[in-house]
Amino acid sequence: MDDWDSVELADPPLDYNWVTDRLAVGAGIWIRRNMELLARDGITHVIDMQAEFDDSSIADGTGVRVLWNPCDDDFEDKPPHLLRRGVEFAEAALCDPRARVYFHCSAGVHRGPMMLLACLAASGMDLMQAMELIRLSRPEADFPDVYRRSVVRFLETLKPEGL
């Protein structure tokens, strides 16, 4: 008998933090049980920024709507359309006062926080204040210069011509 035969693998735990009463950020969901737990916690929408796994496959029947917005954590510039897609999904969700949105990637350090940052800034929050708000709730959140610049470039696409 191999030593590994007696090891019981635990399900990956949920790892997330509420940033506001309607917005949460964290790590990968990975299994249906975790998606069900998120739904029980009131999450109605998920923005999945990880390229590694599409949460749609574990959301059926939970009532949670998923946007798979795959993004590599490669420290390369992110195109405005990637961020626009997530912002539009979140804005549409938040039209319902009961909606709660979960932003995530694999570890909840770069891509998920970057997407939440884009959403908060697109709603009018100052970029630095938005980063601080996210970091207060999720201290491991990190905003590398290249990702922060990607958010700034996206925000510039929202400004009316001539301003």
N, C-alpha and C. Protein backbone atom coordinates (compact mmCIF):
# COMPACT_ATOMS: atom_id res chain seq x y z
N MET A 1 0.84 -1.18 0.00
CA MET A 1 0.00 0.00 0.00
C MET A 1 0.89 1.24 0.00
N ASP A 2 0.62 2.14 -0.90
CA ASP A 2 1.35 3.39 -1.01
C ASP A 2 0.91 4.34 0.10
N ASP A 3 1.84 5.17 0.61
CA ASP A 3 1.48 6.14 1.66
C ASP A 3 0.37 7.07 1.23
N TRP A 4 0.30 7.36 -0.08
CA TRP A 4 -0.72 8.28 -0.58
C TRP A 4 -2.11 7.67 -0.55
N ASP A 5 -2.23 6.35 -0.48
CA ASP A 5 -3.54 5.71 -0.47
C ASP A 5 -4.35 6.09 0.77
N SER A 6 -3.69 6.43 1.85
CA SER A 6 -4.41 6.75 3.08
C SER A 6 -4.66 8.25 3.24
N VAL A 7 -4.17 9.04 2.31
CA VAL A 7 -4.37 10.49 2.39
C VAL A 7 -5.70 10.85 1.77
N GLU A 8 -6.52 11.55 2.54
CA GLU A 8 -7.80 12.02 2.02
C GLU A 8 -7.62 13.46 1.57
N LEU A 9 -7.92 13.72 0.32
CA LEU A 9 -7.78 15.07 -0.20
C LEU A 9 -9.00 15.90 0.16
N ALA A 10 -8.76 17.06 0.71
CA ALA A 10 -9.85 17.96 1.08
C ALA A 10 -10.25 18.79 -0.13
N ASP A 11 -11.51 19.16 -0.15
CA ASP A 11 -11.97 20.07 -1.19
C ASP A 11 -11.26 21.41 -1.01
N PRO A 12 -10.99 22.10 -2.12
CA PRO A 12 -10.36 23.42 -1.98
C PRO A 12 -11.33 24.35 -1.25
N PRO A 13 -10.85 25.05 -0.23
CA PRO A 13 -11.74 25.95 0.52
C PRO A 13 -12.04 27.22 -0.26
N LEU A 14 -13.16 27.83 0.07
CA LEU A 14 -13.46 29.15 -0.48
C LEU A 14 -12.56 30.18 0.19
N ASP A 15 -12.06 31.10 -0.59
CA ASP A 15 -11.16 32.14 -0.09
C ASP A 15 -11.58 33.45 -0.72
N TYR A 16 -12.42 34.19 0.01
CA TYR A 16 -12.85 35.48 -0.54
C TYR A 16 -13.17 36.46 0.57
N ASN A 17 -13.27 37.74 0.15
CA ASN A 17 -13.53 38.82 1.08
C ASN A 17 -14.57 39.77 0.48
N TRP A 18 -15.45 40.26 1.33
CA TRP A 18 -16.40 41.29 0.91
C TRP A 18 -15.67 42.62 0.91
N VAL A 19 -15.82 43.36 -0.18
CA VAL A 19 -15.23 44.69 -0.29
C VAL A 19 -16.29 45.75 0.00
N THR A 20 -17.50 45.49 -0.46
CA THR A 20 -18.68 46.29 -0.11
C THR A 20 -19.76 45.27 0.23
N ASP A 21 -20.95 45.75 0.52
CA ASP A 21 -22.02 44.80 0.82
C ASP A 21 -22.50 44.04 -0.41
N ARG A 22 -22.05 44.45 -1.61
CA ARG A 22 -22.50 43.79 -2.83
C ARG A 22 -21.37 43.29 -3.72
N LEU A 23 -20.13 43.57 -3.34
CA LEU A 23 -18.99 43.19 -4.16
C LEU A 23 -17.98 42.41 -3.32
N ALA A 24 -17.58 41.25 -3.84
CA ALA A 24 -16.59 40.42 -3.17
C ALA A 24 -15.47 40.08 -4.15
N VAL A 25 -14.31 39.77 -3.60
CA VAL A 25 -13.16 39.41 -4.42
C VAL A 25 -12.41 38.27 -3.75
N GLY A 26 -11.86 37.38 -4.57
CA GLY A 26 -11.13 36.27 -3.98
C GLY A 26 -10.53 35.32 -4.99
N ALA A 27 -10.33 34.11 -4.51
CA ALA A 27 -9.64 33.08 -5.28
C ALA A 27 -10.62 32.18 -6.01
N GLY A 28 -10.08 31.19 -6.71
CA GLY A 28 -10.87 30.27 -7.51
C GLY A 28 -11.94 29.52 -6.73
N ILE A 29 -13.01 29.18 -7.43
CA ILE A 29 -14.13 28.45 -6.85
C ILE A 29 -13.88 26.95 -6.99
N TRP A 30 -13.51 26.52 -8.16
CA TRP A 30 -13.03 25.19 -8.51
C TRP A 30 -14.06 24.06 -8.48
N ILE A 31 -14.93 23.99 -7.49
CA ILE A 31 -15.86 22.85 -7.39
C ILE A 31 -17.28 23.33 -7.18
N ARG A 32 -18.22 22.50 -7.57
CA ARG A 32 -19.65 22.85 -7.47
C ARG A 32 -20.05 23.19 -6.03
N ARG A 33 -19.56 22.45 -5.08
CA ARG A 33 -19.91 22.71 -3.67
C ARG A 33 -19.57 24.15 -3.29
N ASN A 34 -18.44 24.65 -3.72
CA ASN A 34 -18.07 26.04 -3.42
C ASN A 34 -18.99 27.02 -4.13
N MET A 35 -19.41 26.70 -5.35
CA MET A 35 -20.35 27.57 -6.05
C MET A 35 -21.67 27.60 -5.28
N GLU A 36 -22.10 26.48 -4.79
CA GLU A 36 -23.34 26.42 -3.98
C GLU A 36 -23.20 27.25 -2.70
N LEU A 37 -22.04 27.19 -2.08
CA LEU A 37 -21.81 27.99 -0.87
C LEU A 37 -21.84 29.49 -1.18
N LEU A 38 -21.26 29.88 -2.30
CA LEU A 38 -21.33 31.28 -2.70
C LEU A 38 -22.78 31.71 -2.92
N ALA A 39 -23.55 30.87 -3.59
CA ALA A 39 -24.96 31.18 -3.82
C ALA A 39 -25.69 31.34 -2.49
N ARG A 40 -25.38 30.49 -1.54
CA ARG A 40 -26.00 30.59 -0.21
C ARG A 40 -25.61 31.88 0.50
N ASP A 41 -24.40 32.37 0.21
CA ASP A 41 -23.94 33.64 0.79
C ASP A 41 -24.49 34.85 0.04
N GLY A 42 -25.33 34.61 -0.96
CA GLY A 42 -25.99 35.70 -1.66
C GLY A 42 -25.34 36.12 -2.97
N ILE A 43 -24.27 35.46 -3.37
CA ILE A 43 -23.63 35.79 -4.65
C ILE A 43 -24.59 35.39 -5.77
N THR A 44 -24.87 36.33 -6.66
CA THR A 44 -25.76 36.07 -7.79
C THR A 44 -25.01 36.05 -9.12
N HIS A 45 -23.83 36.68 -9.14
CA HIS A 45 -23.05 36.80 -10.36
C HIS A 45 -21.56 36.60 -10.05
N VAL A 46 -20.88 35.95 -10.97
CA VAL A 46 -19.45 35.69 -10.83
C VAL A 46 -18.74 36.20 -12.08
N ILE A 47 -17.67 36.94 -11.88
CA ILE A 47 -16.77 37.31 -12.97
C ILE A 47 -15.49 36.52 -12.76
N ASP A 48 -15.31 35.52 -13.59
CA ASP A 48 -14.20 34.57 -13.50
C ASP A 48 -13.10 35.03 -14.45
N MET A 49 -12.03 35.56 -13.89
CA MET A 49 -10.92 36.10 -14.68
C MET A 49 -9.82 35.08 -14.94
N GLN A 50 -9.96 33.88 -14.42
CA GLN A 50 -8.89 32.90 -14.59
C GLN A 50 -9.00 32.22 -15.94
N ALA A 51 -7.88 32.08 -16.59
CA ALA A 51 -7.85 31.34 -17.86
C ALA A 51 -7.85 29.84 -17.59
N GLU A 52 -7.52 29.47 -16.38
CA GLU A 52 -7.31 28.06 -16.03
C GLU A 52 -8.60 27.24 -15.94
N PHE A 53 -9.74 27.88 -15.67
CA PHE A 53 -10.96 27.11 -15.41
C PHE A 53 -12.18 27.98 -15.65
N ASP A 54 -13.16 27.46 -16.35
CA ASP A 54 -14.41 28.15 -16.63
C ASP A 54 -15.44 27.71 -15.60
N ASP A 55 -15.84 28.62 -14.72
CA ASP A 55 -16.81 28.31 -13.67
C ASP A 55 -18.19 27.96 -14.19
N SER A 56 -18.47 28.26 -15.45
CA SER A 56 -19.79 27.95 -16.00
C SER A 56 -20.13 26.48 -15.83
N SER A 57 -19.12 25.64 -15.88
CA SER A 57 -19.34 24.19 -15.80
C SER A 57 -19.80 23.73 -14.42
N ILE A 58 -19.65 24.57 -13.41
CA ILE A 58 -20.09 24.18 -12.06
C ILE A 58 -21.23 25.05 -11.54
N ALA A 59 -21.75 25.93 -12.38
CA ALA A 59 -22.78 26.86 -11.93
C ALA A 59 -24.21 26.41 -12.24
N ASP A 60 -24.39 25.48 -13.18
CA ASP A 60 -25.74 25.06 -13.56
C ASP A 60 -26.56 24.66 -12.34
N GLY A 61 -27.76 25.24 -12.27
CA GLY A 61 -28.68 24.89 -11.20
C GLY A 61 -28.46 25.62 -9.89
N THR A 62 -27.42 26.47 -9.82
CA THR A 62 -27.16 27.20 -8.57
C THR A 62 -27.83 28.57 -8.55
N GLY A 63 -28.27 29.04 -9.71
CA GLY A 63 -28.83 30.38 -9.79
C GLY A 63 -27.78 31.46 -9.96
N VAL A 64 -26.52 31.08 -10.02
CA VAL A 64 -25.43 32.05 -10.18
C VAL A 64 -25.11 32.19 -11.66
N ARG A 65 -25.09 33.44 -12.13
CA ARG A 65 -24.70 33.71 -13.51
C ARG A 65 -23.21 33.95 -13.56
N VAL A 66 -22.56 33.36 -14.54
CA VAL A 66 -21.10 33.43 -14.64
C VAL A 66 -20.68 34.10 -15.95
N LEU A 67 -19.75 35.01 -15.82
CA LEU A 67 -19.04 35.54 -16.99
C LEU A 67 -17.63 34.98 -16.91
N TRP A 68 -17.29 34.12 -17.86
CA TRP A 68 -15.91 33.66 -17.95
C TRP A 68 -15.18 34.66 -18.83
N ASN A 69 -14.26 35.39 -18.24
CA ASN A 69 -13.51 36.45 -18.91
C ASN A 69 -12.03 36.09 -18.80
N PRO A 70 -11.60 35.02 -19.51
CA PRO A 70 -10.26 34.47 -19.29
C PRO A 70 -9.14 35.46 -19.57
N CYS A 71 -8.20 35.45 -18.64
CA CYS A 71 -7.09 36.40 -18.67
C CYS A 71 -5.87 35.71 -18.07
N ASP A 72 -4.79 35.70 -18.78
CA ASP A 72 -3.55 35.13 -18.24
C ASP A 72 -2.93 36.10 -17.24
N ASP A 73 -2.38 35.55 -16.18
CA ASP A 73 -1.65 36.37 -15.20
C ASP A 73 -0.19 36.40 -15.64
N ASP A 74 0.05 37.11 -16.74
CA ASP A 74 1.36 37.10 -17.40
C ASP A 74 2.10 38.43 -17.31
N PHE A 75 1.55 39.35 -16.52
CA PHE A 75 2.17 40.66 -16.35
C PHE A 75 2.38 41.38 -17.68
N GLU A 76 1.42 41.18 -18.57
CA GLU A 76 1.38 41.88 -19.85
C GLU A 76 0.18 42.83 -19.84
N ASP A 77 0.22 43.85 -20.71
CA ASP A 77 -0.91 44.77 -20.82
C ASP A 77 -2.19 44.00 -21.12
N LYS A 78 -3.28 44.45 -20.52
CA LYS A 78 -4.59 43.85 -20.77
C LYS A 78 -5.40 44.82 -21.64
N PRO A 79 -6.05 44.29 -22.67
CA PRO A 79 -6.78 45.17 -23.59
C PRO A 79 -8.05 45.74 -22.95
N PRO A 80 -8.42 46.95 -23.34
CA PRO A 80 -9.62 47.57 -22.78
C PRO A 80 -10.88 46.71 -22.93
N HIS A 81 -11.00 45.97 -24.04
CA HIS A 81 -12.22 45.18 -24.24
C HIS A 81 -12.38 44.10 -23.17
N LEU A 82 -11.28 43.58 -22.64
CA LEU A 82 -11.35 42.58 -21.57
C LEU A 82 -11.99 43.19 -20.32
N LEU A 83 -11.54 44.37 -19.96
CA LEU A 83 -12.08 45.04 -18.78
C LEU A 83 -13.50 45.54 -19.03
N ARG A 84 -13.76 46.03 -20.24
CA ARG A 84 -15.11 46.50 -20.58
C ARG A 84 -16.13 45.38 -20.43
N ARG A 85 -15.77 44.21 -20.87
CA ARG A 85 -16.68 43.06 -20.80
C ARG A 85 -17.09 42.78 -19.33
N GLY A 86 -16.13 42.81 -18.43
CA GLY A 86 -16.43 42.59 -17.02
C GLY A 86 -17.23 43.72 -16.41
N VAL A 87 -16.87 44.96 -16.73
CA VAL A 87 -17.59 46.11 -16.20
C VAL A 87 -19.04 46.10 -16.66
N GLU A 88 -19.27 45.82 -17.92
CA GLU A 88 -20.65 45.79 -18.43
C GLU A 88 -21.46 44.68 -17.77
N PHE A 89 -20.87 43.53 -17.54
CA PHE A 89 -21.55 42.43 -16.86
C PHE A 89 -21.91 42.84 -15.43
N ALA A 90 -20.94 43.43 -14.71
CA ALA A 90 -21.19 43.85 -13.33
C ALA A 90 -22.24 44.95 -13.26
N GLU A 91 -22.15 45.93 -14.16
CA GLU A 91 -23.12 47.03 -14.16
C GLU A 91 -24.53 46.51 -14.41
N ALA A 92 -24.67 45.59 -15.35
CA ALA A 92 -25.99 45.02 -15.64
C ALA A 92 -26.51 44.25 -14.42
N ALA A 93 -25.63 43.49 -13.78
CA ALA A 93 -26.04 42.73 -12.59
C ALA A 93 -26.49 43.66 -11.48
N LEU A 94 -25.74 44.72 -11.25
CA LEU A 94 -26.02 45.60 -10.12
C LEU A 94 -27.24 46.49 -10.32
N CYS A 95 -27.86 46.42 -11.50
CA CYS A 95 -29.15 47.10 -11.69
C CYS A 95 -30.22 46.47 -10.79
N ASP A 96 -30.03 45.21 -10.45
CA ASP A 96 -30.91 44.51 -9.51
C ASP A 96 -30.38 44.79 -8.11
N PRO A 97 -31.15 45.44 -7.26
CA PRO A 97 -30.65 45.78 -5.91
C PRO A 97 -30.32 44.57 -5.04
N ARG A 98 -30.75 43.40 -5.44
CA ARG A 98 -30.44 42.19 -4.67
C ARG A 98 -29.19 41.47 -5.17
N ALA A 99 -28.64 41.93 -6.28
CA ALA A 99 -27.48 41.26 -6.88
C ALA A 99 -26.22 41.50 -6.05
N ARG A 100 -25.38 40.47 -6.04
CA ARG A 100 -24.06 40.54 -5.40
C ARG A 100 -23.07 39.87 -6.35
N VAL A 101 -21.95 40.53 -6.59
CA VAL A 101 -21.00 40.07 -7.62
C VAL A 101 -19.69 39.65 -6.97
N TYR A 102 -19.21 38.49 -7.41
CA TYR A 102 -17.92 37.95 -6.96
C TYR A 102 -16.92 38.03 -8.10
N PHE A 103 -15.80 38.72 -7.87
CA PHE A 103 -14.72 38.87 -8.83
C PHE A 103 -13.59 37.94 -8.39
N HIS A 104 -13.10 37.10 -9.30
CA HIS A 104 -12.03 36.22 -8.87
C HIS A 104 -11.14 35.77 -10.01
N CYS A 105 -9.98 35.26 -9.58
CA CYS A 105 -9.02 34.58 -10.45
C CYS A 105 -8.59 33.33 -9.69
N SER A 106 -7.44 32.82 -9.94
CA SER A 106 -7.01 31.60 -9.24
C SER A 106 -6.67 31.85 -7.77
N ALA A 107 -5.85 32.85 -7.52
CA ALA A 107 -5.40 33.12 -6.14
C ALA A 107 -6.04 34.35 -5.52
N GLY A 108 -6.74 35.15 -6.33
CA GLY A 108 -7.35 36.36 -5.79
C GLY A 108 -6.35 37.45 -5.47
N VAL A 109 -5.26 37.48 -6.23
CA VAL A 109 -4.19 38.44 -5.97
C VAL A 109 -4.10 39.50 -7.08
N HIS A 110 -4.17 39.09 -8.35
CA HIS A 110 -3.96 40.04 -9.46
C HIS A 110 -5.19 40.27 -10.32
N ARG A 111 -5.62 39.26 -11.05
CA ARG A 111 -6.64 39.46 -12.09
C ARG A 111 -8.01 39.80 -11.54
N GLY A 112 -8.47 39.09 -10.52
CA GLY A 112 -9.76 39.40 -9.91
C GLY A 112 -9.78 40.80 -9.31
N PRO A 113 -8.76 41.14 -8.48
CA PRO A 113 -8.71 42.52 -7.97
C PRO A 113 -8.60 43.58 -9.07
N MET A 114 -7.87 43.28 -10.16
CA MET A 114 -7.77 44.23 -11.27
C MET A 114 -9.15 44.49 -11.87
N MET A 115 -9.95 43.43 -12.04
CA MET A 115 -11.28 43.59 -12.62
C MET A 115 -12.18 44.38 -11.69
N LEU A 116 -12.12 44.10 -10.41
CA LEU A 116 -12.90 44.87 -9.44
C LEU A 116 -12.46 46.32 -9.43
N LEU A 117 -11.16 46.57 -9.52
CA LEU A 117 -10.65 47.93 -9.59
C LEU A 117 -11.23 48.67 -10.79
N ALA A 118 -11.27 48.01 -11.94
CA ALA A 118 -11.84 48.62 -13.14
C ALA A 118 -13.32 48.97 -12.92
N CYS A 119 -14.05 48.08 -12.27
CA CYS A 119 -15.48 48.33 -12.02
C CYS A 119 -15.69 49.50 -11.07
N LEU A 120 -14.94 49.52 -9.99
CA LEU A 120 -15.09 50.62 -9.03
C LEU A 120 -14.71 51.95 -9.67
N ALA A 121 -13.61 51.97 -10.41
CA ALA A 121 -13.17 53.22 -11.05
C ALA A 121 -14.13 53.65 -12.14
N ALA A 122 -14.67 52.70 -12.89
CA ALA A 122 -15.65 53.04 -13.95
C ALA A 122 -16.92 53.61 -13.35
N SER A 123 -17.22 53.25 -12.11
CA SER A 123 -18.42 53.79 -11.46
C SER A 123 -18.18 55.17 -10.88
N GLY A 124 -16.93 55.67 -10.98
CA GLY A 124 -16.63 57.02 -10.53
C GLY A 124 -15.73 57.11 -9.32
N MET A 125 -15.36 55.99 -8.71
CA MET A 125 -14.47 56.03 -7.55
C MET A 125 -13.05 56.35 -8.01
N ASP A 126 -12.36 57.16 -7.25
CA ASP A 126 -10.96 57.48 -7.51
C ASP A 126 -10.15 56.18 -7.50
N LEU A 127 -9.24 56.05 -8.46
CA LEU A 127 -8.45 54.83 -8.62
C LEU A 127 -7.68 54.47 -7.35
N MET A 128 -7.02 55.43 -6.75
CA MET A 128 -6.24 55.15 -5.54
C MET A 128 -7.15 54.75 -4.38
N GLN A 129 -8.29 55.40 -4.25
CA GLN A 129 -9.24 55.04 -3.20
C GLN A 129 -9.78 53.63 -3.42
N ALA A 130 -10.04 53.29 -4.68
CA ALA A 130 -10.54 51.95 -5.00
C ALA A 130 -9.50 50.89 -4.65
N MET A 131 -8.23 51.14 -4.97
CA MET A 131 -7.18 50.17 -4.62
C MET A 131 -7.09 50.01 -3.11
N GLU A 132 -7.16 51.10 -2.39
CA GLU A 132 -7.08 51.03 -0.93
C GLU A 132 -8.28 50.27 -0.35
N LEU A 133 -9.46 50.52 -0.88
CA LEU A 133 -10.66 49.81 -0.41
C LEU A 133 -10.50 48.31 -0.61
N ILE A 134 -10.01 47.92 -1.78
CA ILE A 134 -9.81 46.49 -2.06
C ILE A 134 -8.76 45.91 -1.12
N ARG A 135 -7.65 46.61 -0.96
CA ARG A 135 -6.57 46.10 -0.09
C ARG A 135 -6.98 46.02 1.38
N LEU A 136 -7.85 46.92 1.82
CA LEU A 136 -8.32 46.86 3.20
C LEU A 136 -9.09 45.57 3.46
N SER A 137 -9.85 45.14 2.47
CA SER A 137 -10.63 43.92 2.61
C SER A 137 -9.84 42.67 2.27
N ARG A 138 -8.96 42.79 1.30
CA ARG A 138 -8.17 41.64 0.84
C ARG A 138 -6.70 42.07 0.76
N PRO A 139 -5.99 41.97 1.89
CA PRO A 139 -4.61 42.47 1.94
C PRO A 139 -3.67 41.84 0.92
N GLU A 140 -3.94 40.63 0.50
CA GLU A 140 -3.06 39.99 -0.48
C GLU A 140 -3.25 40.52 -1.90
N ALA A 141 -4.29 41.33 -2.12
CA ALA A 141 -4.50 41.92 -3.45
C ALA A 141 -3.30 42.79 -3.81
N ASP A 142 -2.86 42.64 -5.05
CA ASP A 142 -1.68 43.36 -5.53
C ASP A 142 -2.01 43.95 -6.89
N PHE A 143 -1.54 45.14 -7.13
CA PHE A 143 -1.83 45.84 -8.37
C PHE A 143 -0.52 46.18 -9.08
N PRO A 144 0.06 45.21 -9.80
CA PRO A 144 1.30 45.50 -10.54
C PRO A 144 1.09 46.68 -11.49
N ASP A 145 2.15 47.42 -11.72
CA ASP A 145 2.08 48.61 -12.58
C ASP A 145 1.41 48.33 -13.91
N VAL A 146 1.75 47.23 -14.55
CA VAL A 146 1.21 46.93 -15.87
C VAL A 146 -0.31 46.74 -15.81
N TYR A 147 -0.82 46.14 -14.75
CA TYR A 147 -2.27 45.94 -14.63
C TYR A 147 -2.96 47.26 -14.27
N ARG A 148 -2.33 48.04 -13.43
CA ARG A 148 -2.89 49.35 -13.09
C ARG A 148 -2.95 50.24 -14.34
N ARG A 149 -1.89 50.21 -15.14
CA ARG A 149 -1.90 50.99 -16.39
C ARG A 149 -2.99 50.48 -17.34
N SER A 150 -3.23 49.18 -17.34
CA SER A 150 -4.30 48.62 -18.18
C SER A 150 -5.65 49.18 -17.77
N VAL A 151 -5.88 49.31 -16.47
CA VAL A 151 -7.13 49.87 -15.98
C VAL A 151 -7.23 51.35 -16.38
N VAL A 152 -6.15 52.08 -16.24
CA VAL A 152 -6.15 53.50 -16.62
C VAL A 152 -6.46 53.65 -18.11
N ARG A 153 -5.84 52.81 -18.95
CA ARG A 153 -6.12 52.87 -20.40
C ARG A 153 -7.58 52.55 -20.68
N PHE A 154 -8.13 51.57 -19.98
CA PHE A 154 -9.55 51.25 -20.13
C PHE A 154 -10.42 52.45 -19.75
N LEU A 155 -10.12 53.08 -18.63
CA LEU A 155 -10.91 54.24 -18.17
C LEU A 155 -10.85 55.38 -19.19
N GLU A 156 -9.74 55.53 -19.86
CA GLU A 156 -9.62 56.56 -20.88
C GLU A 156 -10.56 56.31 -22.05
N THR A 157 -10.90 55.06 -22.30
CA THR A 157 -11.84 54.76 -23.39
C THR A 157 -13.27 55.15 -23.01
N LEU A 158 -13.52 55.39 -21.73
CA LEU A 158 -14.86 55.77 -21.27
C LEU A 158 -15.10 57.27 -21.34
N LYS A 159 -14.03 58.06 -21.48
CA LYS A 159 -14.17 59.51 -21.49
C LYS A 159 -14.74 59.96 -22.83
N PRO A 160 -15.69 60.90 -22.78
CA PRO A 160 -16.24 61.45 -24.04
C PRO A 160 -15.14 62.15 -24.86
N GLU A 161 -15.30 62.10 -26.15
CA GLU A 161 -14.34 62.76 -27.05
C GLU A 161 -14.24 64.25 -26.72
N GLY A 162 -13.03 64.77 -26.79
CA GLY A 162 -12.83 66.21 -26.63
C GLY A 162 -12.70 66.68 -25.20
N LEU A 163 -12.78 65.80 -24.22
CA LEU A 163 -12.63 66.23 -22.84
C LEU A 163 -11.22 66.05 -22.36
